Protein backbone atom coordinates (compact mmCIF):
# COMPACT_ATOMS: atom_id res chain seq x y z
CA MET A 1 22.69 3.51 23.95
CA ALA A 2 23.70 3.86 27.56
CA GLY A 3 20.39 4.83 29.16
CA LEU A 4 19.18 7.89 31.01
CA THR A 5 21.51 9.56 33.49
CA GLU A 6 21.57 12.94 35.22
CA HIS A 7 23.67 14.11 32.23
CA THR A 8 21.17 13.03 29.56
CA PRO A 9 19.98 16.06 27.57
CA LEU A 10 16.23 16.45 27.98
CA PRO A 11 13.92 17.54 25.18
CA THR A 12 12.46 21.00 25.45
CA GLU A 13 10.38 20.71 22.29
CA ILE A 14 9.15 17.93 20.02
CA LYS A 15 7.45 19.02 16.79
CA LEU A 16 6.00 16.70 14.18
CA HIS A 17 5.97 18.25 10.71
CA THR A 18 3.44 16.03 8.95
CA HIS A 19 3.77 17.54 5.48
CA SER A 20 7.57 17.18 5.31
CA ARG A 21 7.48 13.98 7.43
CA LEU A 22 10.10 15.27 9.88
CA LEU A 23 10.29 15.11 13.65
CA GLU A 24 12.15 18.03 15.17
CA VAL A 25 13.51 17.58 18.69
CA GLY A 26 15.13 20.40 20.65
CA PHE A 27 17.16 19.63 23.78
CA ASP A 28 18.03 21.62 26.88
CA ASN A 29 21.70 21.76 25.89
CA GLY A 30 20.80 23.84 22.81
CA ARG A 31 21.06 21.02 20.26
CA CYS A 32 18.18 20.51 17.84
CA PHE A 33 17.77 17.60 15.47
CA SER A 34 15.44 17.15 12.54
CA MET A 35 14.91 13.47 11.71
CA SER A 36 12.82 11.97 8.95
CA CYS A 37 10.00 9.58 9.76
CA GLU A 38 11.74 7.02 7.57
CA PHE A 39 14.98 7.33 9.58
CA LEU A 40 13.13 6.98 12.89
CA ARG A 41 11.19 3.96 11.60
CA VAL A 42 14.29 2.24 10.22
CA PHE A 43 16.14 2.76 13.51
CA SER A 44 13.25 1.98 15.84
CA PRO A 45 14.49 0.81 19.24
CA SER A 46 11.92 -2.01 19.21
CA ALA A 47 12.88 -5.67 19.49
CA GLU A 48 11.08 -6.18 16.16
CA VAL A 49 13.76 -4.04 14.47
CA ARG A 50 16.81 -4.42 16.72
CA GLY A 51 16.29 -8.00 17.84
CA HIS A 52 17.27 -9.18 21.30
CA GLY A 53 21.02 -9.01 20.83
CA PRO A 54 23.86 -8.16 18.47
CA GLY A 55 23.45 -9.60 15.00
CA GLN A 56 19.67 -10.05 15.35
CA GLU A 57 18.73 -6.77 13.67
CA THR A 58 16.14 -6.88 10.89
CA LEU A 59 16.93 -4.72 7.86
CA GLN A 60 13.95 -2.44 7.30
CA VAL A 61 13.05 -1.96 3.64
CA GLY A 62 10.40 -0.05 1.74
CA LYS A 63 9.97 2.64 4.41
CA ARG A 64 10.58 5.78 2.30
CA ASN A 65 6.97 6.96 2.47
CA VAL A 66 6.21 6.04 6.07
CA SER A 67 4.87 8.80 8.27
CA ILE A 68 4.30 9.28 11.98
CA GLU A 69 0.62 9.30 12.93
CA ALA A 70 1.06 9.98 16.64
CA VAL A 71 3.67 10.93 19.22
CA GLU A 72 2.61 9.50 22.58
CA PRO A 73 4.34 10.34 25.87
CA VAL A 74 5.69 7.43 27.91
CA GLY A 75 6.14 8.64 31.46
CA ASN A 76 8.71 11.42 31.79
CA TYR A 77 11.43 9.60 29.92
CA ALA A 78 10.31 8.74 26.37
CA VAL A 79 7.80 8.86 23.54
CA ARG A 80 6.19 6.10 21.52
CA LEU A 81 5.97 6.84 17.82
CA VAL A 82 3.02 5.39 15.92
CA PHE A 83 3.91 4.92 12.25
CA SER A 84 1.62 4.73 9.23
CA ASP A 85 2.76 1.15 8.50
CA GLY A 86 1.34 0.00 11.84
CA HIS A 87 4.64 -0.13 13.73
CA ASN A 88 4.20 1.23 17.26
CA SER A 89 6.36 -0.87 19.58
CA GLY A 90 9.43 1.36 19.74
CA ILE A 91 9.94 3.39 22.90
CA TYR A 92 12.20 6.35 22.08
CA SER A 93 13.77 7.41 25.39
CA TRP A 94 15.44 10.81 25.53
CA ASP A 95 18.93 9.29 25.25
CA VAL A 96 17.86 7.23 22.22
CA LEU A 97 16.42 10.30 20.47
CA TYR A 98 19.53 12.31 21.23
CA GLU A 99 21.90 9.61 19.97
CA LEU A 100 19.83 9.09 16.82
CA GLY A 101 19.96 12.82 16.12
CA GLU A 102 23.64 13.14 16.89
CA ASN A 103 24.66 10.12 14.79
CA GLN A 104 22.05 10.21 12.06
CA GLU A 105 24.38 11.01 9.16
CA ALA A 106 26.70 8.04 9.78
CA MET A 107 23.81 5.73 10.68
CA TRP A 108 21.92 6.67 7.51
CA GLN A 109 24.96 6.07 5.32
CA HIS A 110 25.52 2.65 6.91
CA TYR A 111 21.83 1.82 6.39
CA LEU A 112 22.03 2.73 2.68
CA GLU A 113 25.13 0.54 2.32
CA ARG A 114 23.33 -2.39 4.02
CA LEU A 115 20.33 -1.93 1.70
CA ALA A 116 22.55 -1.97 -1.38
CA ALA A 117 24.49 -5.02 -0.17
CA ALA A 118 21.21 -6.88 0.39
CA GLY A 119 19.88 -5.88 -3.05
CA LYS A 120 16.96 -4.06 -1.40
CA ASP A 121 15.66 -0.51 -1.65
CA ARG A 122 13.79 2.16 0.27
CA ASP A 123 10.64 1.85 -1.85
CA THR A 124 9.83 -1.86 -2.13
CA PRO A 125 8.65 -3.60 1.03
CA ASP A 126 9.61 -7.22 1.59
CA ALA A 127 6.88 -9.69 0.70
CA PRO A 128 5.04 -10.98 3.77
CA LYS A 129 6.30 -14.35 4.94
CA ALA A 130 3.91 -17.27 4.58
CA LYS A 131 2.73 -18.66 7.87
CA SER A 132 3.27 -22.36 8.42
CA CYS A 133 0.37 -24.55 9.53
CA GLY A 134 2.70 -26.69 11.59
CA HIS A 135 2.33 -29.62 9.18
CA GLY A 136 6.06 -29.78 8.68
CA GLY A 137 8.03 -28.71 5.67
CA GLY A 138 7.26 -25.04 6.27
CA ALA A 139 4.78 -24.84 3.38
CA SER A 140 1.83 -22.53 3.65
CA CYS A 141 -1.57 -24.22 3.54
CA GLY A 142 -3.38 -21.08 2.41
CA SER A 143 -5.79 -21.03 5.33
CA HIS A 144 -4.06 -18.19 7.22
């Protein structure tokens, strides 16, 4: 994702279809993409999902039924999507939205392959990780 330039297509319309859980984004170059809430959640540009560098990505599981509760503008360059699972830290700049739309078929296929290889699925969320009390050994003390 290269960032915004004077050549970055700009959105002319963003429509959230809550019943079908799709976000439709039309751009000034005539392209229009319809992306599922699940796809947008799985490929959130947040550090929580992408990490801080190559190889630090976190595989998102159990997101099939996630929806978008709000689309919030961020300046003149992006939107923040607020998801029903509480995730809201991804800033979807116009170039990110365009690239997600343009590459969604290949990205989705790769995601499904990664899920299968990890023995995970789109319906079952990972169990929450136990928080350590700092007593050593990494065991949970049950007080958190």
